[in-house]
């Protein structure tokens, strides 16, 4: 009787072990690539799946997006400037079978392809393009990397250039260039302001020349502005035309007046 109980317990134990080895539970973002006696029979999941013990072998693959940090790469741009660039790539597995069968380690392979493509693409661009047109370079990197990883069942959705490190000499040169550009814009704006002011003054002079009353009003306004400041000495400008008129009036007055009588000596 005891031997029968032990045998039953052993059978139950073996059954439980086999059941535990044949049952798998996969999450929503997981897929199982099943090999039966070394032969691919396709992906399974998500949910509860059953395997034949000692016959089926399962490789679990995640379908979530992977964030891949591309290590800093030393790049020589088209205009012979050395820069150190790092980037980040986002990809996910779209074909679990190809990601297992056609590549040994798709994560490492994608990282290597991203590094070589980063050096290749940025090496064909100039420094100004690298600094000002990153979106175009990001699109080029994404397309090239995606084309190379597509046979592995990998879809690269985004590639972003994170940081561009330049030598100190190049940073100083760029700072000088930026300062020169700012000075140039400042001088242009100042010249445009001077031109506009001169144009306005010319128009105002024409209006005053056509209307003498406007000049008198301007004089009165100037006196009002000076009177506000408590000055002891007021210098009021007088136009030369007015002075010339006063001089002419004085000369005419002098010429119209009779000559003074000369004294007459009387002899006795």
Protein backbone atom coordinates (compact mmCIF):
# COMPACT_ATOMS: atom_id res chain seq x y z
CA UNK A 1 0.00 0.00 0.00
CA UNK A 2 2.76 2.35 0.87
CA UNK A 3 4.53 1.65 -2.43
CA UNK A 4 1.35 2.49 -4.33
CA UNK A 5 0.99 5.81 -2.52
CA UNK A 6 4.60 6.70 -3.19
CA UNK A 7 4.15 5.84 -6.86
CA UNK A 8 1.03 7.98 -7.11
CA UNK A 9 2.78 10.88 -5.43
CA UNK A 10 5.72 10.52 -7.81
CA UNK A 11 3.40 10.51 -10.82
CA UNK A 12 1.59 13.61 -9.54
CA UNK A 13 4.88 15.33 -8.92
CA UNK A 14 6.09 14.57 -12.43
CA UNK A 15 2.76 15.74 -13.83
CA UNK A 16 2.97 19.02 -11.92
CA UNK A 17 6.54 19.58 -13.09
CA UNK A 18 5.59 18.90 -16.69
CA UNK A 19 2.52 21.12 -16.41
CA UNK A 20 4.59 23.93 -14.98
CA UNK A 21 7.11 23.55 -17.77
CA UNK A 22 4.45 23.52 -20.49
CA UNK A 23 2.36 26.49 -19.40
CA UNK A 24 3.45 30.11 -19.92
CA UNK A 25 1.67 33.41 -19.40
CA UNK A 26 2.65 36.34 -21.62
CA UNK A 27 1.80 39.99 -21.03
CA UNK A 28 0.11 42.16 -23.64
CA UNK A 29 3.40 43.59 -24.94
CA UNK A 30 5.20 40.20 -25.06
CA UNK A 31 5.38 37.58 -27.77
CA UNK A 32 6.84 34.07 -27.68
CA UNK A 33 8.81 32.75 -30.64
CA UNK A 34 8.39 28.95 -30.50
CA UNK A 35 10.92 26.45 -31.86
CA UNK A 36 9.72 22.83 -32.00
CA UNK A 37 12.67 20.47 -32.34
CA UNK A 38 14.63 23.40 -33.71
CA UNK A 39 12.00 24.34 -36.25
CA UNK A 40 10.27 27.73 -36.14
CA UNK A 41 6.53 27.39 -35.74
CA UNK A 42 5.72 31.11 -35.30
CA UNK A 43 4.98 33.60 -32.55
CA UNK A 44 2.45 33.03 -29.78
CA UNK A 45 0.76 35.28 -27.24
CA UNK A 46 -0.28 37.28 -25.42
CA UNK A 47 -2.05 35.33 -22.71
CA UNK A 48 -1.79 31.66 -21.79
CA UNK A 49 0.23 29.41 -24.09
CA UNK A 50 1.15 25.73 -23.87
CA UNK A 51 4.48 24.13 -24.74
CA UNK A 52 5.42 20.51 -25.25
CA UNK A 53 8.02 19.74 -22.57
CA UNK A 54 11.46 18.88 -23.89
CA UNK A 55 10.23 19.50 -27.45
CA UNK A 56 9.38 23.19 -27.66
CA UNK A 57 11.76 26.02 -26.83
CA UNK A 58 10.47 29.54 -26.29
CA UNK A 59 12.23 32.89 -26.87
CA UNK A 60 10.39 35.82 -25.31
CA UNK A 61 10.40 39.13 -27.23
CA UNK A 62 9.14 42.52 -26.03
CA UNK A 63 7.21 44.73 -28.46
CA UNK A 64 7.61 47.94 -26.43
CA UNK A 65 9.56 50.90 -27.78
CA UNK A 66 13.22 50.80 -26.76
CA UNK A 67 15.19 53.95 -25.99
CA UNK A 68 18.71 53.49 -27.35
CA UNK A 69 21.35 55.99 -26.28
CA UNK A 70 23.99 56.32 -28.98
CA UNK A 71 27.44 56.90 -27.39
CA UNK A 72 29.31 60.13 -28.28
CA UNK A 73 30.99 59.91 -31.68
CA UNK A 74 33.93 61.95 -32.96
CA UNK A 75 32.83 63.44 -36.27
CA UNK A 76 34.80 65.47 -38.83
CA UNK A 77 32.35 67.65 -40.72
CA UNK A 78 32.53 68.52 -44.39
CA UNK A 79 34.34 71.81 -43.63
CA UNK A 80 36.98 69.97 -41.53
CA UNK A 81 35.66 70.84 -38.07
CA UNK A 82 36.02 68.20 -35.36
CA UNK A 83 32.89 67.72 -33.24
CA UNK A 84 31.73 65.23 -30.66
CA UNK A 85 28.09 64.26 -31.17
CA UNK A 86 25.75 61.97 -29.26
CA UNK A 87 22.18 61.02 -30.10
CA UNK A 88 19.24 58.89 -29.05
CA UNK A 89 17.17 56.46 -31.13
CA UNK A 90 13.71 55.02 -30.51
CA UNK A 91 12.79 51.67 -32.07
CA UNK A 92 10.58 48.65 -31.49
CA UNK A 93 10.20 45.09 -32.70
CA UNK A 94 7.46 44.67 -35.32
CA UNK A 95 8.30 41.11 -36.40
CA UNK A 96 9.29 38.83 -33.48
CA UNK A 97 10.31 35.96 -35.77
CA UNK A 98 12.81 38.02 -37.78
CA UNK A 99 14.22 39.67 -34.65
CA UNK A 100 15.16 36.22 -33.32
CA UNK A 101 15.95 34.23 -36.46
CA UNK A 102 17.72 36.81 -38.66
CA UNK A 103 19.89 38.54 -36.05
CA UNK A 104 21.68 37.26 -32.98
CA UNK A 105 21.31 40.38 -30.81
CA UNK A 106 19.12 43.02 -32.41
CA UNK A 107 19.78 45.56 -29.62
CA UNK A 108 23.56 45.49 -30.07
CA UNK A 109 23.23 45.39 -33.86
CA UNK A 110 20.93 48.42 -33.90
CA UNK A 111 23.35 50.30 -31.65
CA UNK A 112 26.29 49.60 -33.97
CA UNK A 113 24.33 50.59 -37.07
CA UNK A 114 23.25 53.81 -35.37
CA UNK A 115 26.83 54.74 -34.48
CA UNK A 116 28.23 54.14 -37.96
CA UNK A 117 25.32 55.94 -39.62
CA UNK A 118 25.71 58.92 -37.28
CA UNK A 119 29.37 59.33 -38.25
CA UNK A 120 28.63 58.83 -41.94
CA UNK A 121 25.72 61.28 -42.24
CA UNK A 122 27.19 64.05 -40.09
CA UNK A 123 30.55 63.73 -41.85
CA UNK A 124 28.86 64.86 -45.07
CA UNK A 125 27.30 67.95 -43.49
CA UNK A 126 28.90 71.31 -42.71
CA UNK A 127 29.08 72.74 -39.21
CA UNK A 128 26.39 75.37 -39.87
CA UNK A 129 24.05 72.66 -41.11
CA UNK A 130 24.79 70.55 -38.05
CA UNK A 131 23.91 73.42 -35.72
CA UNK A 132 20.94 74.96 -37.53
CA UNK A 133 19.27 72.11 -39.48
CA UNK A 134 19.08 69.28 -36.98
CA UNK A 135 15.56 68.29 -37.99
CA UNK A 136 16.67 67.47 -41.53
CA UNK A 137 19.65 65.49 -40.24
CA UNK A 138 17.40 63.63 -37.78
CA UNK A 139 15.10 62.63 -40.65
CA UNK A 140 18.05 61.41 -42.73
CA UNK A 141 19.41 59.38 -39.82
CA UNK A 142 16.01 57.82 -39.13
CA UNK A 143 15.47 56.79 -42.74
CA UNK A 144 18.93 55.29 -43.20
CA UNK A 145 18.93 53.36 -39.90
CA UNK A 146 15.38 52.12 -40.49
CA UNK A 147 16.30 50.79 -43.93
CA UNK A 148 19.19 48.80 -42.46
CA UNK A 149 17.22 47.36 -39.54
CA UNK A 150 14.03 46.55 -41.45
CA UNK A 151 15.20 43.01 -42.45
CA UNK A 152 15.60 42.24 -38.73
CA UNK A 153 11.97 43.10 -37.94
CA UNK A 154 13.00 46.40 -36.30
CA UNK A 155 11.20 49.69 -36.89
CA UNK A 156 13.16 52.84 -36.03
CA UNK A 157 10.64 55.60 -35.37
CA UNK A 158 12.81 58.54 -34.27
CA UNK A 159 16.46 59.58 -34.11
CA UNK A 160 17.40 62.79 -32.29
CA UNK A 161 20.78 64.50 -32.07
CA UNK A 162 21.18 65.40 -28.40
CA UNK A 163 24.37 67.41 -28.05
CA UNK A 164 27.19 68.77 -30.22
CA UNK A 165 30.49 69.49 -28.48
CA UNK A 166 32.95 71.77 -30.27
CA UNK A 167 36.62 72.56 -29.50
CA UNK A 168 37.34 75.63 -27.40
CA UNK A 169 38.99 77.44 -30.31
CA UNK A 170 35.93 76.95 -32.48
CA UNK A 171 33.63 78.13 -29.67
CA UNK A 172 35.67 81.34 -29.30
CA UNK A 173 35.61 81.92 -33.06
CA UNK A 174 31.83 81.44 -33.15
CA UNK A 175 31.41 83.82 -30.21
CA UNK A 176 33.41 86.50 -32.06
CA UNK A 177 31.37 85.94 -35.18
CA UNK A 178 28.12 86.28 -33.25
CA UNK A 179 29.36 89.47 -31.58
CA UNK A 180 30.33 90.92 -34.96
CA UNK A 181 26.89 90.09 -36.34
CA UNK A 182 25.21 91.82 -33.40
CA UNK A 183 27.37 94.94 -33.86
CA UNK A 184 26.53 94.94 -37.55
CA UNK A 185 22.79 94.80 -36.85
CA UNK A 186 23.12 97.53 -34.22
CA UNK A 187 24.92 99.86 -36.64
CA UNK A 188 22.36 99.20 -39.36
CA UNK A 189 19.47 99.94 -36.99
CA UNK A 190 21.21 103.12 -35.78
CA UNK A 191 21.79 104.27 -39.37
CA UNK A 192 18.17 103.60 -40.27
CA UNK A 193 17.06 105.63 -37.25
CA UNK A 194 19.33 108.54 -38.21
CA UNK A 195 17.97 108.45 -41.75
CA UNK A 196 14.37 108.45 -40.54
CA UNK A 197 15.07 111.33 -38.14
CA UNK A 198 16.76 113.36 -40.88
CA UNK A 199 13.81 112.73 -43.18
CA UNK A 200 11.39 113.90 -40.52
CA UNK A 201 13.46 117.02 -39.84
CA UNK A 202 13.53 117.78 -43.56
CA UNK A 203 9.76 117.49 -43.77
CA UNK A 204 9.35 119.69 -40.69
CA UNK A 205 11.68 122.32 -42.16
CA UNK A 206 9.61 122.41 -45.34
CA UNK A 207 6.41 122.94 -43.35
CA UNK A 208 7.98 125.74 -41.28
CA UNK A 209 9.39 127.39 -44.42
CA UNK A 210 5.95 127.42 -46.03
CA UNK A 211 4.19 128.77 -42.92
CA UNK A 212 5.95 131.52 -40.90
CA UNK A 213 3.30 131.22 -38.19
CA UNK A 214 4.49 127.67 -37.55
CA UNK A 215 7.94 129.07 -36.79
CA UNK A 216 6.47 131.52 -34.28
CA UNK A 217 4.54 128.74 -32.58
CA UNK A 218 7.72 126.72 -32.39
CA UNK A 219 9.47 129.65 -30.71
CA UNK A 220 6.70 129.92 -28.15
CA UNK A 221 6.81 126.19 -27.46
CA UNK A 222 10.57 126.38 -26.97
CA UNK A 223 10.18 129.25 -24.49
CA UNK A 224 7.56 127.25 -22.58
CA UNK A 225 9.87 124.26 -22.33
CA UNK A 226 12.77 126.42 -21.18
CA UNK A 227 10.63 128.22 -18.62
CA UNK A 228 9.82 124.97 -16.86
CA UNK A 229 13.48 124.50 -15.94
CA UNK A 230 14.39 127.20 -13.45
CA UNK A 231 17.32 128.61 -15.36
CA UNK A 232 18.93 131.97 -14.64
CA UNK A 233 20.28 132.35 -18.16
CA UNK A 234 18.22 131.59 -21.24
CA UNK A 235 19.92 131.35 -24.60
CA UNK A 236 17.25 131.82 -27.25
CA UNK A 237 18.24 131.14 -30.83
CA UNK A 238 17.43 133.85 -33.36
CA UNK A 239 17.39 132.94 -37.03
CA UNK A 240 19.84 134.71 -39.33
CA UNK A 241 17.01 135.89 -41.56
CA UNK A 242 15.59 137.94 -38.71
CA UNK A 243 19.00 139.43 -37.92
CA UNK A 244 19.55 140.34 -41.57
CA UNK A 245 16.15 142.06 -41.66
CA UNK A 246 17.05 144.10 -38.57
CA UNK A 247 20.37 145.14 -40.10
CA UNK A 248 18.64 146.22 -43.32
CA UNK A 249 16.09 148.26 -41.39
CA UNK A 250 18.85 150.00 -39.46
CA UNK A 251 20.76 150.85 -42.63
CA UNK A 252 17.62 152.25 -44.29
CA UNK A 253 16.84 154.30 -41.21
CA UNK A 254 20.35 155.70 -41.16
CA UNK A 255 20.25 156.61 -44.85
CA UNK A 256 16.85 158.37 -44.62
CA UNK A 257 17.74 160.59 -41.60
CA UNK A 258 19.20 164.11 -42.42
CA UNK A 259 22.89 164.68 -41.94
CA UNK A 260 23.78 166.57 -38.73
CA UNK A 261 24.50 170.31 -39.14
CA UNK A 262 28.09 171.35 -39.15
CA UNK A 263 29.09 174.16 -36.80
CA UNK A 264 29.69 177.51 -38.57
CA UNK A 265 32.49 179.70 -37.34
CA UNK A 266 31.55 183.45 -37.03
CA UNK A 267 34.27 185.98 -37.49
CA UNK A 268 34.12 189.14 -35.39
